[in-house]
Protein backbone atom coordinates (compact mmCIF):
# COMPACT_ATOMS: atom_id res chain seq x y z
CA UNK A 1 166.03 21.88 -228.35
CA UNK A 2 168.80 20.00 -227.06
CA UNK A 3 172.51 20.80 -227.87
CA UNK A 4 172.94 16.93 -227.64
CA UNK A 5 173.95 15.42 -231.32
CA UNK A 6 173.94 11.48 -231.46
CA UNK A 7 177.36 11.59 -234.06
CA UNK A 8 179.18 13.47 -231.46
CA UNK A 9 177.84 12.51 -228.11
CA UNK A 10 179.98 10.82 -225.77
CA UNK A 11 179.14 8.40 -223.22
CA UNK A 12 182.32 6.10 -223.62
CA UNK A 13 185.31 8.27 -221.89
CA UNK A 14 185.97 7.65 -218.40
CA UNK A 15 187.53 10.85 -217.71
CA UNK A 16 184.14 12.65 -218.59
CA UNK A 17 182.60 10.37 -215.66
CA UNK A 18 185.21 12.44 -213.02
CA UNK A 19 184.10 15.62 -214.63
CA UNK A 20 180.49 15.41 -214.91
CA UNK A 21 179.19 12.41 -212.89
CA UNK A 22 177.05 10.04 -215.00
CA UNK A 23 175.86 11.25 -218.26
CA UNK A 24 172.27 11.26 -217.11
CA UNK A 25 171.54 14.09 -219.52
CA UNK A 26 172.92 12.01 -222.52
CA UNK A 27 171.45 9.29 -221.49
CA UNK A 28 168.18 10.67 -221.34
CA UNK A 29 168.53 12.08 -224.72
CA UNK A 30 169.38 8.85 -226.44
CA UNK A 31 166.22 6.98 -224.65
CA UNK A 32 164.37 9.49 -226.06
CA UNK A 33 165.77 9.90 -229.44
CA UNK A 34 167.74 6.65 -230.17
CA UNK A 35 167.20 3.92 -227.43
CA UNK A 36 168.75 1.05 -229.48
CA UNK A 37 171.77 3.06 -231.01
CA UNK A 38 174.75 2.17 -233.08
CA UNK A 39 177.62 3.86 -231.09
CA UNK A 40 180.71 3.87 -233.05
CA UNK A 41 183.94 6.04 -231.86
CA UNK A 42 187.39 5.75 -232.93
CA UNK A 43 188.85 4.66 -229.38
CA UNK A 44 186.14 2.24 -228.72
CA UNK A 45 185.15 -1.16 -230.73
CA UNK A 46 181.32 -0.58 -231.83
CA UNK A 47 178.19 -1.25 -230.02
CA UNK A 48 174.58 -1.11 -229.94
CA UNK A 49 174.01 1.40 -226.80
CA UNK A 50 170.94 0.58 -224.75
CA UNK A 51 169.43 3.11 -222.30
CA UNK A 52 165.70 2.00 -221.73
CA UNK A 53 164.78 -0.51 -219.11
CA UNK A 54 162.57 -2.82 -221.21
CA UNK A 55 165.39 -3.72 -223.73
CA UNK A 56 167.94 -4.38 -221.31
CA UNK A 57 165.59 -6.84 -219.51
CA UNK A 58 164.73 -8.57 -222.74
CA UNK A 59 168.18 -8.90 -223.38
CA UNK A 60 168.99 -10.10 -219.97
CA UNK A 61 166.27 -12.79 -220.11
CA UNK A 62 167.60 -14.21 -223.32
CA UNK A 63 171.26 -15.27 -222.65
CA UNK A 64 171.27 -17.66 -224.75
CA UNK A 65 171.23 -15.29 -227.53
CA UNK A 66 173.17 -12.50 -225.96
CA UNK A 67 176.62 -14.45 -224.65
CA UNK A 68 179.04 -13.27 -222.04
CA UNK A 69 181.72 -15.17 -223.66
CA UNK A 70 182.94 -12.96 -226.41
CA UNK A 71 182.50 -9.15 -225.01
CA UNK A 72 181.82 -8.61 -221.10
CA UNK A 73 182.43 -5.06 -220.55
CA UNK A 74 182.91 -1.95 -222.52
CA UNK A 75 186.40 -0.28 -222.94
CA UNK A 76 188.24 1.15 -224.70
CA UNK A 77 190.29 -0.43 -227.70
CA UNK A 78 193.68 0.56 -225.58
CA UNK A 79 192.40 -1.48 -222.72
CA UNK A 80 190.89 -4.28 -224.60
CA UNK A 81 195.02 -4.73 -225.87
CA UNK A 82 196.25 -4.28 -222.57
CA UNK A 83 193.94 -6.85 -221.10
CA UNK A 84 194.68 -9.30 -223.64
CA UNK A 85 198.40 -8.80 -223.74
CA UNK A 86 198.77 -9.10 -219.88
CA UNK A 87 196.33 -12.26 -219.63
CA UNK A 88 198.25 -13.97 -222.31
CA UNK A 89 201.65 -13.34 -220.66
CA UNK A 90 200.35 -14.20 -217.26
CA UNK A 91 198.71 -17.76 -218.78
CA UNK A 92 202.00 -18.28 -220.34
CA UNK A 93 204.42 -17.35 -217.47
CA UNK A 94 202.53 -19.69 -215.30
CA UNK A 95 201.77 -22.37 -217.61
CA UNK A 96 198.16 -21.85 -217.96
CA UNK A 97 195.59 -22.96 -220.38
CA UNK A 98 195.45 -19.91 -223.00
CA UNK A 99 191.64 -20.59 -223.43
CA UNK A 100 190.35 -20.71 -219.89
CA UNK A 101 188.64 -17.39 -219.40
CA UNK A 102 189.60 -15.31 -216.50
CA UNK A 103 186.76 -16.23 -214.08
CA UNK A 104 183.12 -17.74 -214.71
CA UNK A 105 181.38 -14.39 -215.22
CA UNK A 106 182.78 -14.60 -218.81
CA UNK A 107 181.21 -18.20 -219.30
CA UNK A 108 177.55 -18.91 -220.61
CA UNK A 109 175.54 -21.51 -219.58
CA UNK A 110 175.38 -24.30 -218.86
CA UNK A 111 179.16 -23.96 -217.59
CA UNK A 112 178.35 -20.75 -216.16
CA UNK A 113 175.49 -22.40 -214.09
CA UNK A 114 177.56 -25.12 -212.89
CA UNK A 115 180.44 -22.71 -211.52
CA UNK A 116 178.03 -20.48 -210.11
CA UNK A 117 176.44 -23.46 -208.01
CA UNK A 118 179.43 -24.06 -206.38
CA UNK A 119 179.30 -20.83 -204.09
CA UNK A 120 175.27 -20.05 -204.82
CA UNK A 121 174.08 -21.06 -201.45
CA UNK A 122 176.35 -19.49 -199.16
CA UNK A 123 174.63 -16.25 -201.00
CA UNK A 124 170.78 -17.19 -200.50
CA UNK A 125 168.52 -15.26 -198.01
CA UNK A 126 168.12 -18.21 -195.60
CA UNK A 127 171.87 -18.17 -195.28
CA UNK A 128 172.35 -14.69 -195.09
CA UNK A 129 169.92 -14.85 -192.17
CA UNK A 130 172.40 -16.63 -189.79
CA UNK A 131 174.99 -13.74 -189.80
CA UNK A 132 172.16 -10.72 -190.04
CA UNK A 133 172.98 -10.25 -186.38
CA UNK A 134 177.04 -10.21 -186.92
CA UNK A 135 176.45 -8.02 -189.58
CA UNK A 136 174.55 -5.70 -187.34
CA UNK A 137 176.91 -5.72 -184.88
CA UNK A 138 179.93 -5.05 -187.28
CA UNK A 139 177.89 -2.28 -188.60
CA UNK A 140 177.50 -0.76 -185.15
CA UNK A 141 181.13 -0.61 -184.20
CA UNK A 142 182.43 0.32 -187.66
CA UNK A 143 179.60 3.69 -187.02
CA UNK A 144 181.11 4.26 -183.70
CA UNK A 145 184.15 4.31 -184.72
CA UNK A 146 183.16 6.59 -187.41
CA UNK A 147 181.05 9.09 -185.54
CA UNK A 148 184.55 9.35 -182.89
CA UNK A 149 186.64 10.05 -185.66
CA UNK A 150 184.31 12.54 -187.36
CA UNK A 151 183.69 14.11 -183.87
CA UNK A 152 187.39 14.23 -183.37
CA UNK A 153 188.31 15.82 -186.72
CA UNK A 154 185.43 18.61 -186.08
CA UNK A 155 187.13 19.65 -183.07
CA UNK A 156 190.53 20.24 -185.03
CA UNK A 157 188.64 21.61 -188.55
CA UNK A 158 189.21 19.20 -190.09
CA UNK A 159 186.89 17.10 -192.16
CA UNK A 160 186.49 13.01 -192.52
CA UNK A 161 186.99 10.73 -195.37
CA UNK A 162 183.57 8.47 -195.26
CA UNK A 163 184.82 5.95 -197.67
CA UNK A 164 187.92 5.12 -195.75
CA UNK A 165 186.00 5.82 -192.04
CA UNK A 166 182.82 3.59 -192.66
CA UNK A 167 181.84 2.55 -196.63
CA UNK A 168 184.81 0.10 -196.99
CA UNK A 169 185.07 -1.24 -193.87
CA UNK A 170 181.79 -3.43 -193.64
CA UNK A 171 181.79 -5.37 -197.24
CA UNK A 172 185.59 -6.12 -196.97
CA UNK A 173 184.97 -7.29 -193.17
CA UNK A 174 181.89 -9.29 -194.68
CA UNK A 175 183.67 -11.27 -197.61
CA UNK A 176 186.77 -11.18 -195.81
CA UNK A 177 185.18 -13.19 -193.01
CA UNK A 178 183.04 -15.65 -195.27
CA UNK A 179 185.93 -16.40 -197.27
CA UNK A 180 188.18 -17.17 -194.27
CA UNK A 181 190.65 -14.66 -195.07
CA UNK A 182 192.62 -13.48 -192.20
CA UNK A 183 191.87 -9.67 -191.22
CA UNK A 184 195.55 -8.73 -191.24
CA UNK A 185 195.19 -9.21 -194.78
CA UNK A 186 192.46 -7.29 -195.80
CA UNK A 187 193.70 -3.73 -195.56
CA UNK A 188 196.30 -4.81 -198.45
CA UNK A 189 194.05 -6.85 -200.43
CA UNK A 190 191.80 -4.21 -200.57
CA UNK A 191 195.07 -1.55 -201.71
CA UNK A 192 195.67 -4.23 -204.70
CA UNK A 193 192.12 -4.35 -205.87
CA UNK A 194 191.61 -0.54 -205.75
CA UNK A 195 195.09 0.08 -207.69
CA UNK A 196 193.45 -2.86 -210.11
CA UNK A 197 190.25 -0.54 -210.93
CA UNK A 198 192.15 2.70 -211.18
CA UNK A 199 191.85 4.11 -207.46
CA UNK A 200 194.87 6.58 -206.72
CA UNK A 201 196.47 4.13 -204.39
CA UNK A 202 199.66 6.06 -204.32
CA UNK A 203 201.35 4.58 -201.74
CA UNK A 204 201.19 1.28 -203.89
CA UNK A 205 203.36 2.24 -206.51
CA UNK A 206 207.25 2.29 -206.49
CA UNK A 207 209.62 5.63 -207.38
CA UNK A 208 209.30 6.12 -211.01
CA UNK A 209 206.99 3.43 -211.99
CA UNK A 210 204.00 3.96 -214.54
CA UNK A 211 200.51 2.74 -214.30
CA UNK A 212 200.76 -0.11 -216.36
CA UNK A 213 203.58 -1.50 -214.58
CA UNK A 214 202.09 -1.07 -211.10
CA UNK A 215 198.87 -2.40 -212.30
CA UNK A 216 200.56 -5.42 -213.37
CA UNK A 217 202.23 -6.03 -210.06
CA UNK A 218 198.98 -5.59 -208.08
CA UNK A 219 197.20 -8.04 -210.69
CA UNK A 220 200.60 -10.63 -209.62
CA UNK A 221 200.70 -10.23 -206.23
CA UNK A 222 196.85 -11.09 -205.84
CA UNK A 223 197.31 -14.13 -208.07
CA UNK A 224 200.10 -15.28 -205.74
CA UNK A 225 197.96 -14.15 -202.91
CA UNK A 226 195.14 -16.39 -203.96
CA UNK A 227 197.37 -19.72 -205.03
CA UNK A 228 198.44 -19.50 -201.57
CA UNK A 229 194.89 -19.39 -200.19
CA UNK A 230 194.32 -22.60 -202.30
CA UNK A 231 197.40 -24.41 -201.47
CA UNK A 232 196.50 -23.56 -197.95
CA UNK A 233 192.77 -24.91 -198.13
CA UNK A 234 193.98 -27.67 -199.69
CA UNK A 235 196.45 -28.79 -197.06
CA UNK A 236 193.31 -28.11 -194.39
CA UNK A 237 191.44 -30.37 -196.08
CA UNK A 238 187.30 -29.93 -196.88
CA UNK A 239 186.21 -29.78 -193.29
CA UNK A 240 186.64 -25.99 -192.65
CA UNK A 241 183.19 -23.76 -192.99
CA UNK A 242 184.84 -20.95 -194.85
CA UNK A 243 183.62 -20.21 -198.26
CA UNK A 244 187.30 -20.60 -199.75
CA UNK A 245 187.66 -23.88 -198.68
CA UNK A 246 183.96 -24.90 -200.24
CA UNK A 247 185.10 -23.38 -203.47
CA UNK A 248 188.72 -25.20 -203.71
CA UNK A 249 187.32 -28.60 -202.71
CA UNK A 250 184.41 -28.30 -205.02
CA UNK A 251 183.90 -31.07 -207.70
CA UNK A 252 182.55 -30.30 -211.22
CA UNK A 253 182.20 -33.26 -213.44
CA UNK A 254 183.96 -35.37 -211.05
CA UNK A 255 187.51 -33.31 -211.11
CA UNK A 256 188.50 -30.44 -208.82
CA UNK A 257 188.77 -27.02 -210.37
CA UNK A 258 192.60 -25.99 -211.73
CA UNK A 259 194.64 -23.19 -209.92
CA UNK A 260 193.67 -21.21 -212.83
CA UNK A 261 190.38 -21.70 -212.70
CA UNK A 262 190.23 -21.64 -208.58
CA UNK A 263 192.31 -18.24 -208.37
CA UNK A 264 189.68 -16.36 -210.88
CA UNK A 265 186.97 -17.48 -208.77
CA UNK A 266 188.28 -16.38 -205.40
CA UNK A 267 189.69 -13.19 -206.90
CA UNK A 268 186.32 -12.25 -208.66
CA UNK A 269 184.27 -13.12 -205.14
CA UNK A 270 186.54 -11.14 -203.23
CA UNK A 271 186.38 -8.28 -205.69
CA UNK A 272 182.78 -7.86 -206.62
CA UNK A 273 181.93 -8.78 -202.82
CA UNK A 274 183.25 -5.32 -201.45
CA UNK A 275 183.32 -2.60 -204.58
CA UNK A 276 179.97 -2.20 -205.45
CA UNK A 277 178.77 -2.62 -202.13
CA UNK A 278 181.13 0.21 -200.83
CA UNK A 279 180.22 2.12 -203.74
CA UNK A 280 176.53 1.69 -202.87
CA UNK A 281 176.76 2.71 -199.66
CA UNK A 282 178.95 6.10 -200.16
CA UNK A 283 176.69 7.12 -202.94
CA UNK A 284 173.45 6.60 -200.95
CA UNK A 285 175.25 8.22 -197.88
CA UNK A 286 175.70 11.17 -200.51
CA UNK A 287 172.47 11.19 -201.98
CA UNK A 288 170.84 11.41 -198.09
CA UNK A 289 172.75 14.37 -197.00
CA UNK A 290 171.95 16.20 -200.32
CA UNK A 291 168.60 15.40 -199.26
CA UNK A 292 167.81 16.46 -195.45
CA UNK A 293 164.62 15.61 -195.48
CA UNK A 294 165.31 12.21 -196.33
CA UNK A 295 167.97 11.73 -193.37
CA UNK A 296 165.49 13.41 -190.97
CA UNK A 297 162.85 10.55 -191.98
CA UNK A 298 165.33 7.78 -192.02
CA UNK A 299 166.78 8.88 -188.62
CA UNK A 300 162.82 9.14 -187.10
CA UNK A 301 161.89 5.57 -188.52
CA UNK A 302 164.84 3.52 -188.00
CA UNK A 303 162.88 1.01 -186.62
CA UNK A 304 160.72 0.62 -189.53
CA UNK A 305 162.05 -2.62 -191.18
CA UNK A 306 159.88 -1.58 -194.47
CA UNK A 307 161.55 1.74 -194.61
CA UNK A 308 164.93 0.47 -194.56
CA UNK A 309 164.40 -2.07 -197.18
CA UNK A 310 162.99 0.88 -199.53
CA UNK A 311 165.96 3.05 -198.80
CA UNK A 312 168.03 0.42 -199.20
CA UNK A 313 166.45 -0.26 -203.25
CA UNK A 314 166.21 3.34 -203.88
CA UNK A 315 170.09 3.86 -203.11
CA UNK A 316 170.74 1.29 -205.47
CA UNK A 317 168.60 2.52 -208.14
CA UNK A 318 170.18 5.92 -207.40
CA UNK A 319 173.67 4.87 -207.27
CA UNK A 320 173.85 1.71 -209.85
CA UNK A 321 177.33 1.26 -208.73
CA UNK A 322 177.68 -0.85 -212.11
CA UNK A 323 177.65 1.40 -215.11
CA UNK A 324 177.10 -1.18 -217.68
CA UNK A 325 177.95 -4.78 -219.07
CA UNK A 326 178.44 -6.16 -222.50
CA UNK A 327 176.69 -9.00 -224.47
CA UNK A 328 177.21 -10.31 -227.93
CA UNK A 329 174.76 -12.09 -230.24
CA UNK A 330 175.03 -15.25 -231.53
CA UNK A 331 172.03 -15.27 -233.58
CA UNK A 332 170.26 -12.33 -235.22
CA UNK A 333 167.37 -10.72 -233.18
CA UNK A 334 164.78 -8.32 -233.20
CA UNK A 335 164.68 -5.85 -230.18
CA UNK A 336 162.24 -3.36 -230.54
CA UNK A 337 162.04 -2.86 -234.08
CA UNK A 338 165.92 -3.20 -234.77
CA UNK A 339 167.83 -5.97 -235.70
CA UNK A 340 170.80 -7.17 -233.64
CA UNK A 341 172.93 -8.99 -236.00
CA UNK A 342 174.84 -12.10 -234.85
CA UNK A 343 178.39 -10.92 -234.08
CA UNK A 344 177.12 -7.51 -232.72
CA UNK A 345 177.69 -6.55 -229.46
CA UNK A 346 175.44 -4.52 -227.17
CA UNK A 347 176.04 -2.33 -223.89
CA UNK A 348 173.46 -2.34 -221.41
CA UNK A 349 173.78 1.12 -219.49
CA UNK A 350 171.84 0.19 -216.00
CA UNK A 351 171.86 3.72 -214.48
CA UNK A 352 170.23 5.09 -217.59
CA UNK A 353 167.46 2.35 -217.25
CA UNK A 354 167.17 3.37 -213.59
CA UNK A 355 166.11 6.62 -214.55
CA UNK A 356 163.64 5.14 -217.34
CA UNK A 357 160.25 7.30 -216.93
CA UNK A 358 158.29 4.44 -218.67
CA UNK A 359 159.03 2.39 -215.52
CA UNK A 360 160.02 5.14 -212.44
CA UNK A 361 157.86 7.95 -211.58
CA UNK A 362 159.79 11.07 -211.16
CA UNK A 363 163.13 9.00 -211.78
CA UNK A 364 165.18 11.84 -210.88
CA UNK A 365 163.55 12.55 -207.27
CA UNK A 366 165.66 10.51 -204.53
CA UNK A 367 162.70 8.88 -202.45
CA UNK A 368 163.43 6.30 -200.05
CA UNK A 369 159.99 5.55 -199.67
CA UNK A 370 159.79 4.77 -203.29
CA UNK A 371 157.70 1.20 -203.78
CA UNK A 372 157.71 -0.55 -206.14
CA UNK A 373 161.34 -0.23 -207.37
CA UNK A 374 162.22 -2.38 -210.33
CA UNK A 375 165.81 -1.05 -210.80
CA UNK A 376 168.29 -3.17 -212.55
CA UNK A 377 171.51 -1.98 -210.01
CA UNK A 378 172.61 -5.84 -209.83
CA UNK A 379 173.26 -6.53 -213.50
CA UNK A 380 169.71 -7.01 -215.01
CA UNK A 381 168.06 -10.01 -214.80
CA UNK A 382 168.31 -14.01 -215.40
CA UNK A 383 171.33 -15.99 -215.93
CA UNK A 384 173.68 -13.44 -215.10
CA UNK A 385 171.97 -11.81 -212.57
CA UNK A 386 174.50 -10.42 -209.70
CA UNK A 387 175.23 -13.82 -207.18
CA UNK A 388 175.95 -11.35 -204.18
CA UNK A 389 172.67 -9.16 -204.74
CA UNK A 390 171.41 -10.72 -201.15
CA UNK A 391 174.53 -9.99 -199.43
CA UNK A 392 175.12 -6.38 -200.83
CA UNK A 393 171.22 -5.62 -199.44
CA UNK A 394 172.14 -7.05 -196.61
CA UNK A 395 175.09 -5.29 -195.62
CA UNK A 396 173.56 -2.13 -197.01
CA UNK A 397 170.68 -2.28 -194.87
CA UNK A 398 172.85 -3.20 -191.88
CA UNK A 399 174.95 -0.20 -192.71
CA UNK A 400 171.51 1.92 -193.06
CA UNK A 401 170.61 0.71 -189.20
CA UNK A 402 173.90 2.11 -188.02
CA UNK A 403 174.22 5.06 -189.76
CA UNK A 404 170.20 6.51 -189.16
CA UNK A 405 171.38 8.05 -186.05
CA UNK A 406 174.60 9.04 -187.16
CA UNK A 407 173.82 10.73 -190.52
CA UNK A 408 172.39 14.08 -188.79
CA UNK A 409 175.39 14.88 -187.39
CA UNK A 410 177.30 14.71 -190.57
CA UNK A 411 177.68 17.04 -193.75
CA UNK A 412 178.77 16.51 -197.23
CA UNK A 413 181.70 19.34 -197.94
CA UNK A 414 183.33 16.89 -201.52
CA UNK A 415 182.64 14.23 -203.69
CA UNK A 416 182.04 11.66 -204.42
CA UNK A 417 185.20 11.30 -206.29
CA UNK A 418 185.45 8.41 -208.63
CA UNK A 419 187.99 6.69 -210.61
CA UNK A 420 188.11 6.43 -214.29
CA UNK A 421 186.50 2.96 -214.88
CA UNK A 422 183.81 2.67 -217.15
CA UNK A 423 182.36 -0.60 -216.02
CA UNK A 424 182.54 0.14 -212.08
CA UNK A 425 182.98 3.87 -211.66
CA UNK A 426 184.32 3.50 -208.11
CA UNK A 427 184.36 6.22 -205.58
CA UNK A 428 187.64 6.53 -203.69
CA UNK A 429 186.73 9.46 -201.29
CA UNK A 430 183.44 11.24 -200.01
CA UNK A 431 184.61 14.12 -197.65
CA UNK A 432 182.33 15.30 -194.85
CA UNK A 433 182.46 16.80 -191.96
CA UNK A 434 180.49 16.77 -188.42
CA UNK A 435 177.27 19.03 -188.56
């Protein structure tokens, strides 16, 4: 008999994710007892909690009924109010349209599709094949640097942070190069992004500065930076091949995007292009080190492309870097015997779906040979499927090839340590040592 009670179960408090990790036991209980559950708690606006793979797929395939533009993510009422206040203040201070959304992820089709198509071709398999060799070389170089760091720390009797030593480097370099951003700016941009998602970047904050003030300052600095990129690309003209130039000079309905739309577009490409992949690489390495037989299998078969691919997919399933997205029903909808009424929100828990025994045999076994692997790590399916999914896969595979000979020389010491964020429970530290 389970100790859980549907009236008191807690899957919404970010701090609990730091203490217990993902609440898989709670999600398993809910999937069995109430896979479509009206979740009401004082701290968060109510929503239908969705934990079953099939139901999340159904919602994702009906993007005309379950829309993004009203409630995109589950977060506390306090964070809802803070976000609304800061967005309104920024729009007022910069003279921007108060009715414009923060970025195109908040849009619905056909507008969402039109914005998405501006950059979609840069993330196709055909486009990424052109940079596959470059990704491989960068991964090899980063892995060599990390191994040197790991061995040096080992000789001193010290541990090494895998996030700083390897995991954050490849995704940041890949998206930074694609956007044409100077590599001297990458470290600061990463720090600003970390502050905005709740990572403990203590060096960023001024003496006596509270967290809200620091986050606002980070957001303001990022906005100024992206406005600077826009001005630079305007001055250079449309000839350059980088992604920022393509976005800045794009035309929709015969008009260029506004500064407000452009800075939101550039920021979401930057943030989404490095955070989730970093977390997948970090969480994947943690999982591998916890399963030495899988490390051995990977190290001995690193030239087996099928294994590299299946390992990457299992890491994505296992880590599920995106916790949830929300949607709002615009008309009544029957979902597995439950009526979701117009105006009600649903919250889709992707890690729960990725442990659904109706889809995955032995879902709590980490198996890098698992195939097929119909995980929902990229936000479900359909209109809002992750734009950067191909890029994430290419980077993850490049990282695995480069790390295959390094992993047997590593041991997990502590972590992963996460940020208190209910949307992307980002890993900010993974402590390892030389074996």
